[in-house]
Amino acid sequence: IVSIVGEAEPGPRLTVEGLVRDAET
């Protein structure tokens, strides 16, 4: 997981993971 905010960034934490696929195969 790559963090795009620092530890001190205020706000509820959210983690998004995903998969990129070929639409045909």
PDB file of all heavy atoms in Angstrom:
ATOM      1  N   ILE A   1       0.849  -1.186   0.000  1.00  0.00           N
ATOM      2  CA  ILE A   1       0.000   0.000   0.000  1.00  0.00           C
ATOM      3  C   ILE A   1       0.888   1.240   0.000  1.00  0.00           C
ATOM      4  O   ILE A   1       1.796   1.363   0.825  1.00  0.00           O
ATOM      5  CB  ILE A   1      -0.916   0.034   1.239  1.00  0.00           C
ATOM      6  CG1 ILE A   1      -1.725  -1.247   1.348  1.00  0.00           C
ATOM      7  CG2 ILE A   1      -1.829   1.248   1.186  1.00  0.00           C
ATOM      8  CD1 ILE A   1      -2.650  -1.508   0.195  1.00  0.00           C
ATOM      9  N   VAL A   2       0.628   2.156  -0.904  1.00  0.00           N
ATOM     10  CA  VAL A   2       1.359   3.418  -0.984  1.00  0.00           C
ATOM     11  C   VAL A   2       0.537   4.487  -0.270  1.00  0.00           C
ATOM     12  O   VAL A   2      -0.618   4.719  -0.617  1.00  0.00           O
ATOM     13  CB  VAL A   2       1.606   3.828  -2.445  1.00  0.00           C
ATOM     14  CG1 VAL A   2       2.284   5.186  -2.501  1.00  0.00           C
ATOM     15  CG2 VAL A   2       2.431   2.777  -3.169  1.00  0.00           C
ATOM     16  N   SER A   3       1.119   5.135   0.712  1.00  0.00           N
ATOM     17  CA  SER A   3       0.405   6.201   1.405  1.00  0.00           C
ATOM     18  C   SER A   3       0.567   7.498   0.634  1.00  0.00           C
ATOM     19  O   SER A   3       1.684   7.896   0.290  1.00  0.00           O
ATOM     20  CB  SER A   3       0.936   6.371   2.829  1.00  0.00           C
ATOM     21  OG  SER A   3       0.228   7.399   3.491  1.00  0.00           O
ATOM     22  N   ILE A   4      -0.549   8.164   0.361  1.00  0.00           N
ATOM     23  CA  ILE A   4      -0.488   9.456  -0.335  1.00  0.00           C
ATOM     24  C   ILE A   4      -0.727  10.610   0.640  1.00  0.00           C
ATOM     25  O   ILE A   4      -0.869  11.756   0.211  1.00  0.00           O
ATOM     26  CB  ILE A   4      -1.464   9.513  -1.526  1.00  0.00           C
ATOM     27  CG1 ILE A   4      -2.921   9.412  -1.092  1.00  0.00           C
ATOM     28  CG2 ILE A   4      -1.128   8.420  -2.541  1.00  0.00           C
ATOM     29  CD1 ILE A   4      -3.910   9.659  -2.230  1.00  0.00           C
ATOM     30  N   VAL A   5      -0.788  10.290   1.933  1.00  0.00           N
ATOM     31  CA  VAL A   5      -0.879  11.317   2.976  1.00  0.00           C
ATOM     32  C   VAL A   5       0.116  10.982   4.082  1.00  0.00           C
ATOM     33  O   VAL A   5       0.516   9.830   4.243  1.00  0.00           O
ATOM     34  CB  VAL A   5      -2.307  11.400   3.580  1.00  0.00           C
ATOM     35  CG1 VAL A   5      -3.297  11.879   2.551  1.00  0.00           C
ATOM     36  CG2 VAL A   5      -2.732  10.067   4.177  1.00  0.00           C
ATOM     37  N   GLY A   6       0.511  12.001   4.830  1.00  0.00           N
ATOM     38  CA  GLY A   6       1.389  11.784   5.961  1.00  0.00           C
ATOM     39  C   GLY A   6       0.621  11.296   7.184  1.00  0.00           C
ATOM     40  O   GLY A   6      -0.612  11.390   7.242  1.00  0.00           O
ATOM     41  N   GLU A   7       1.334  10.780   8.154  1.00  0.00           N
ATOM     42  CA  GLU A   7       0.700  10.259   9.355  1.00  0.00           C
ATOM     43  C   GLU A   7      -0.070  11.330  10.110  1.00  0.00           C
ATOM     44  O   GLU A   7      -1.052  11.033  10.797  1.00  0.00           O
ATOM     45  CB  GLU A   7       1.756   9.637  10.275  1.00  0.00           C
ATOM     46  CG  GLU A   7       2.383   8.362   9.714  1.00  0.00           C
ATOM     47  CD  GLU A   7       3.353   7.736  10.692  1.00  0.00           C
ATOM     48  OE1 GLU A   7       3.496   8.284  11.818  1.00  0.00           O
ATOM     49  OE2 GLU A   7       3.973   6.716  10.341  1.00  0.00           O
ATOM     50  N   ALA A   8       0.355  12.570   9.985  1.00  0.00           N
ATOM     51  CA  ALA A   8      -0.296  13.659  10.721  1.00  0.00           C
ATOM     52  C   ALA A   8      -1.509  14.228   9.988  1.00  0.00           C
ATOM     53  O   ALA A   8      -2.176  15.117  10.516  1.00  0.00           O
ATOM     54  CB  ALA A   8       0.713  14.773  10.992  1.00  0.00           C
ATOM     55  N   GLU A   9      -1.795  13.741   8.787  1.00  0.00           N
ATOM     56  CA  GLU A   9      -2.933  14.263   8.025  1.00  0.00           C
ATOM     57  C   GLU A   9      -4.237  14.001   8.780  1.00  0.00           C
ATOM     58  O   GLU A   9      -4.558  12.866   9.115  1.00  0.00           O
ATOM     59  CB  GLU A   9      -3.005  13.593   6.654  1.00  0.00           C
ATOM     60  CG  GLU A   9      -4.065  14.143   5.742  1.00  0.00           C
ATOM     61  CD  GLU A   9      -3.746  15.525   5.207  1.00  0.00           C
ATOM     62  OE1 GLU A   9      -2.545  15.832   5.024  1.00  0.00           O
ATOM     63  OE2 GLU A   9      -4.695  16.308   4.973  1.00  0.00           O
ATOM     64  N   PRO A  10      -5.021  15.032   9.071  1.00  0.00           N
ATOM     65  CA  PRO A  10      -6.277  14.830   9.799  1.00  0.00           C
ATOM     66  C   PRO A  10      -7.353  14.199   8.920  1.00  0.00           C
ATOM     67  O   PRO A  10      -7.343  14.366   7.698  1.00  0.00           O
ATOM     68  CB  PRO A  10      -6.672  16.244  10.231  1.00  0.00           C
ATOM     69  CG  PRO A  10      -6.014  17.141   9.240  1.00  0.00           C
ATOM     70  CD  PRO A  10      -4.745  16.456   8.821  1.00  0.00           C
ATOM     71  N   GLY A  11      -8.258  13.473   9.547  1.00  0.00           N
ATOM     72  CA  GLY A  11      -9.384  12.870   8.832  1.00  0.00           C
ATOM     73  C   GLY A  11      -9.418  11.366   8.989  1.00  0.00           C
ATOM     74  O   GLY A  11      -8.402  10.730   9.251  1.00  0.00           O
ATOM     75  N   PRO A  12     -10.615  10.773   8.835  1.00  0.00           N
ATOM     76  CA  PRO A  12     -10.753   9.316   8.912  1.00  0.00           C
ATOM     77  C   PRO A  12      -9.919   8.629   7.847  1.00  0.00           C
ATOM     78  O   PRO A  12      -9.842   9.074   6.705  1.00  0.00           O
ATOM     79  CB  PRO A  12     -12.249   9.085   8.665  1.00  0.00           C
ATOM     80  CG  PRO A  12     -12.904  10.388   8.969  1.00  0.00           C
ATOM     81  CD  PRO A  12     -11.911  11.440   8.594  1.00  0.00           C
ATOM     82  N   ARG A  13      -9.299   7.525   8.220  1.00  0.00           N
ATOM     83  CA  ARG A  13      -8.421   6.811   7.300  1.00  0.00           C
ATOM     84  C   ARG A  13      -9.221   5.968   6.304  1.00  0.00           C
ATOM     85  O   ARG A  13     -10.256   5.400   6.632  1.00  0.00           O
ATOM     86  CB  ARG A  13      -7.483   5.904   8.088  1.00  0.00           C
ATOM     87  CG  ARG A  13      -6.052   6.428   8.291  1.00  0.00           C
ATOM     88  CD  ARG A  13      -5.960   7.890   8.538  1.00  0.00           C
ATOM     89  NE  ARG A  13      -4.589   8.386   8.342  1.00  0.00           N
ATOM     90  CZ  ARG A  13      -4.220   9.638   8.507  1.00  0.00           C
ATOM     91  NH1 ARG A  13      -5.102  10.539   8.889  1.00  0.00           N
ATOM     92  NH2 ARG A  13      -2.986  10.008   8.295  1.00  0.00           N
ATOM     93  N   LEU A  14      -8.708   5.905   5.075  1.00  0.00           N
ATOM     94  CA  LEU A  14      -9.325   5.128   4.005  1.00  0.00           C
ATOM     95  C   LEU A  14      -8.224   4.447   3.208  1.00  0.00           C
ATOM     96  O   LEU A  14      -7.232   5.079   2.841  1.00  0.00           O
ATOM     97  CB  LEU A  14     -10.131   6.054   3.082  1.00  0.00           C
ATOM     98  CG  LEU A  14     -10.628   5.452   1.758  1.00  0.00           C
ATOM     99  CD1 LEU A  14     -11.693   4.392   2.009  1.00  0.00           C
ATOM    100  CD2 LEU A  14     -11.172   6.546   0.839  1.00  0.00           C
ATOM    101  N   THR A  15      -8.371   3.158   2.973  1.00  0.00           N
ATOM    102  CA  THR A  15      -7.449   2.417   2.128  1.00  0.00           C
ATOM    103  C   THR A  15      -8.208   1.871   0.933  1.00  0.00           C
ATOM    104  O   THR A  15      -9.267   1.263   1.093  1.00  0.00           O
ATOM    105  CB  THR A  15      -6.796   1.245   2.886  1.00  0.00           C
ATOM    106  OG1 THR A  15      -6.129   1.744   4.043  1.00  0.00           O
ATOM    107  CG2 THR A  15      -5.782   0.524   2.007  1.00  0.00           C
ATOM    108  N   VAL A  16      -7.684   2.096  -0.257  1.00  0.00           N
ATOM    109  CA  VAL A  16      -8.291   1.593  -1.485  1.00  0.00           C
ATOM    110  C   VAL A  16      -7.287   0.688  -2.180  1.00  0.00           C
ATOM    111  O   VAL A  16      -6.144   1.086  -2.408  1.00  0.00           O
ATOM    112  CB  VAL A  16      -8.700   2.737  -2.434  1.00  0.00           C
ATOM    113  CG1 VAL A  16      -9.285   2.173  -3.729  1.00  0.00           C
ATOM    114  CG2 VAL A  16      -9.700   3.672  -1.763  1.00  0.00           C
ATOM    115  N   GLU A  17      -7.684  -0.526  -2.481  1.00  0.00           N
ATOM    116  CA  GLU A  17      -6.868  -1.444  -3.263  1.00  0.00           C
ATOM    117  C   GLU A  17      -7.622  -1.824  -4.521  1.00  0.00           C
ATOM    118  O   GLU A  17      -8.856  -1.718  -4.568  1.00  0.00           O
ATOM    119  CB  GLU A  17      -6.534  -2.699  -2.457  1.00  0.00           C
ATOM    120  CG  GLU A  17      -5.666  -2.433  -1.235  1.00  0.00           C
ATOM    121  CD  GLU A  17      -5.352  -3.706  -0.490  1.00  0.00           C
ATOM    122  OE1 GLU A  17      -4.425  -4.414  -0.941  1.00  0.00           O
ATOM    123  OE2 GLU A  17      -6.014  -3.994   0.515  1.00  0.00           O
ATOM    124  N   GLY A  18      -6.896  -2.267  -5.531  1.00  0.00           N
ATOM    125  CA  GLY A  18      -7.580  -2.601  -6.757  1.00  0.00           C
ATOM    126  C   GLY A  18      -6.780  -3.476  -7.687  1.00  0.00           C
ATOM    127  O   GLY A  18      -5.603  -3.772  -7.453  1.00  0.00           O
ATOM    128  N   LEU A  19      -7.446  -3.888  -8.742  1.00  0.00           N
ATOM    129  CA  LEU A  19      -6.876  -4.745  -9.773  1.00  0.00           C
ATOM    130  C   LEU A  19      -7.232  -4.156 -11.129  1.00  0.00           C
ATOM    131  O   LEU A  19      -8.397  -3.832 -11.382  1.00  0.00           O
ATOM    132  CB  LEU A  19      -7.461  -6.159  -9.655  1.00  0.00           C
ATOM    133  CG  LEU A  19      -7.118  -7.156 -10.760  1.00  0.00           C
ATOM    134  CD1 LEU A  19      -5.629  -7.487 -10.741  1.00  0.00           C
ATOM    135  CD2 LEU A  19      -7.949  -8.425 -10.602  1.00  0.00           C
ATOM    136  N   VAL A  20      -6.247  -4.005 -11.995  1.00  0.00           N
ATOM    137  CA  VAL A  20      -6.470  -3.518 -13.357  1.00  0.00           C
ATOM    138  C   VAL A  20      -6.346  -4.714 -14.298  1.00  0.00           C
ATOM    139  O   VAL A  20      -5.355  -5.443 -14.268  1.00  0.00           O
ATOM    140  CB  VAL A  20      -5.466  -2.414 -13.743  1.00  0.00           C
ATOM    141  CG1 VAL A  20      -5.710  -1.946 -15.173  1.00  0.00           C
ATOM    142  CG2 VAL A  20      -5.568  -1.242 -12.774  1.00  0.00           C
ATOM    143  N   ARG A  21      -7.379  -4.912 -15.138  1.00  0.00           N
ATOM    144  CA  ARG A  21      -7.447  -6.085 -15.998  1.00  0.00           C
ATOM    145  C   ARG A  21      -7.714  -5.711 -17.449  1.00  0.00           C
ATOM    146  O   ARG A  21      -8.224  -4.629 -17.740  1.00  0.00           O
ATOM    147  CB  ARG A  21      -8.578  -7.020 -15.540  1.00  0.00           C
ATOM    148  CG  ARG A  21      -8.530  -7.422 -14.096  1.00  0.00           C
ATOM    149  CD  ARG A  21      -9.684  -8.342 -13.749  1.00  0.00           C
ATOM    150  NE  ARG A  21     -10.985  -7.743 -14.041  1.00  0.00           N
ATOM    151  CZ  ARG A  21     -12.139  -8.251 -13.624  1.00  0.00           C
ATOM    152  NH1 ARG A  21     -12.150  -9.364 -12.919  1.00  0.00           N
ATOM    153  NH2 ARG A  21     -13.270  -7.643 -13.920  1.00  0.00           N
ATOM    154  N   ASP A  22      -7.415  -6.650 -18.330  1.00  0.00           N
ATOM    155  CA  ASP A  22      -7.791  -6.549 -19.738  1.00  0.00           C
ATOM    156  C   ASP A  22      -9.284  -6.822 -19.844  1.00  0.00           C
ATOM    157  O   ASP A  22      -9.779  -7.846 -19.372  1.00  0.00           O
ATOM    158  CB  ASP A  22      -6.994  -7.573 -20.550  1.00  0.00           C
ATOM    159  CG  ASP A  22      -7.226  -7.472 -22.046  1.00  0.00           C
ATOM    160  OD1 ASP A  22      -8.389  -7.654 -22.476  1.00  0.00           O
ATOM    161  OD2 ASP A  22      -6.252  -7.245 -22.779  1.00  0.00           O
ATOM    162  N   ALA A  23     -10.032  -5.907 -20.471  1.00  0.00           N
ATOM    163  CA  ALA A  23     -11.483  -6.034 -20.542  1.00  0.00           C
ATOM    164  C   ALA A  23     -11.922  -7.234 -21.368  1.00  0.00           C
ATOM    165  O   ALA A  23     -13.019  -7.761 -21.158  1.00  0.00           O
ATOM    166  CB  ALA A  23     -12.091  -4.759 -21.129  1.00  0.00           C
ATOM    167  N   GLU A  24     -11.089  -7.682 -22.280  1.00  0.00           N
ATOM    168  CA  GLU A  24     -11.480  -8.790 -23.153  1.00  0.00           C
ATOM    169  C   GLU A  24     -11.068 -10.142 -22.595  1.00  0.00           C
ATOM    170  O   GLU A  24     -11.823 -11.113 -22.695  1.00  0.00           O
ATOM    171  CB  GLU A  24     -10.890  -8.585 -24.551  1.00  0.00           C
ATOM    172  CG  GLU A  24     -11.437  -7.348 -25.262  1.00  0.00           C
ATOM    173  CD  GLU A  24     -10.918  -7.218 -26.681  1.00  0.00           C
ATOM    174  OE1 GLU A  24     -10.039  -8.023 -27.083  1.00  0.00           O
ATOM    175  OE2 GLU A  24     -11.374  -6.307 -27.388  1.00  0.00           O
ATOM    176  N   THR A  25      -9.887 -10.221 -22.000  1.00  0.00           N
ATOM    177  CA  THR A  25      -9.377 -11.515 -21.537  1.00  0.00           C
ATOM    178  C   THR A  25      -9.503 -11.711 -20.035  1.00  0.00           C
ATOM    179  O   THR A  25      -9.422 -12.841 -19.546  1.00  0.00           O
ATOM    180  CB  THR A  25      -7.897 -11.678 -21.920  1.00  0.00           C
ATOM    181  OG1 THR A  25      -7.105 -10.724 -21.168  1.00  0.00           O
ATOM    182  CG2 THR A  25      -7.685 -11.444 -23.414  1.00  0.00           C
TER     183      THR A  25
END
